[in-house]
């Protein structure tokens, strides 16, 4: 049976909900997060704000400088979760095989609908009307737009949904996947972060086509390590991961128990930076990003507190994770005395967000 996987991704979800609910925000650069005159971060940005290089996890003050005309609104997570439930209910009318990776993103295995098709290409093409109907239902019932990608596996479906955002519908046929991937930069492969990309580029491997032309996975190990084999597979558009319908929550964390309880800011900052590096490297190793960042503190009397923040676009870098952790400590005034332990946790793990991809003319 031909395999047909869809990836549904809502367009600027948090900001789009706010623009839908308040007509005055439509067509304006909208930033969901703390005001620029307060200590805080950006949770999401509309496409109008993204033109000014505003992005998730950026300090609100920086966003305010980049986009002086930006409209800042506080996030309404309860509203976003309720809208997400309505969207997922629509998807479940098309297939029970759904992997929900965040409030605004999901993979669908719709292979059973197209088992009569002769091959993968005809099945993928036959899935276009279903994808269009999913988009129509979301637009009609939720008054929001979604982008949908169709292909034979999760990796390609995700690339396809990113390709023509916003409000896109892109199919990558199995017979065309190698040619489609060939001109894209190596960073388009999930799991290739800035450091790995720089290492590959130093070897003259600038595009996915260069990876396809590499003699073997072993030739990539000096830069990519254990990721080399998977990197090579992705370069040829291969991905055998199933759509995971389980609700198991996955997370990454790091903790530091101090030899002596401390409230020294330099010591705490150094510990946070080390842990942010640790968890960011784990994300990179598994080709993941995180939508939720949590900090954990334990005081001298063993009282333990955790606080977290949710952002719309996945964080992957040490800098963004460290910035969000510092923001949580400051906003909730968690360092009120010497700490016995401090930790950083990441959850709602998803594929790293990719920029809109364009094939060269």
Foldseek 3Di string as FASTA:
>chain_A
DFWKKKKKFFAQQQLQLVCVVDVVCPPAWEFEWDALVDFIWTQTIHPNLCVLVHGGLHTNVVSCVSCVRYHYDYTDVVVLQVLLVVLVVLVVVQDLLWADLDSGMIMDTNCVVQVVDPYNQVSQVVCQVVVVVSQVCCCVPVVGGMFMEMERDDQRNQLQSLADPDNYYGYQYLVCQLVVQQAAFLVSGQLCDPQLSVVCVVVVRGGLNSLQVDPDLVVSCVRLNPCSNVSSCVSSPDDDDGRDSDPDWDKDKDKDFDPDFDLDPVVVLVVLLVRLQVRLVVCSNVRKFFQKKKKWWAAPVRDIDMDMDGHDAGDRHSVSNSSRRVSRCVVVVVSPDTTRMMMMMGISIDHHDDHHDDDDD
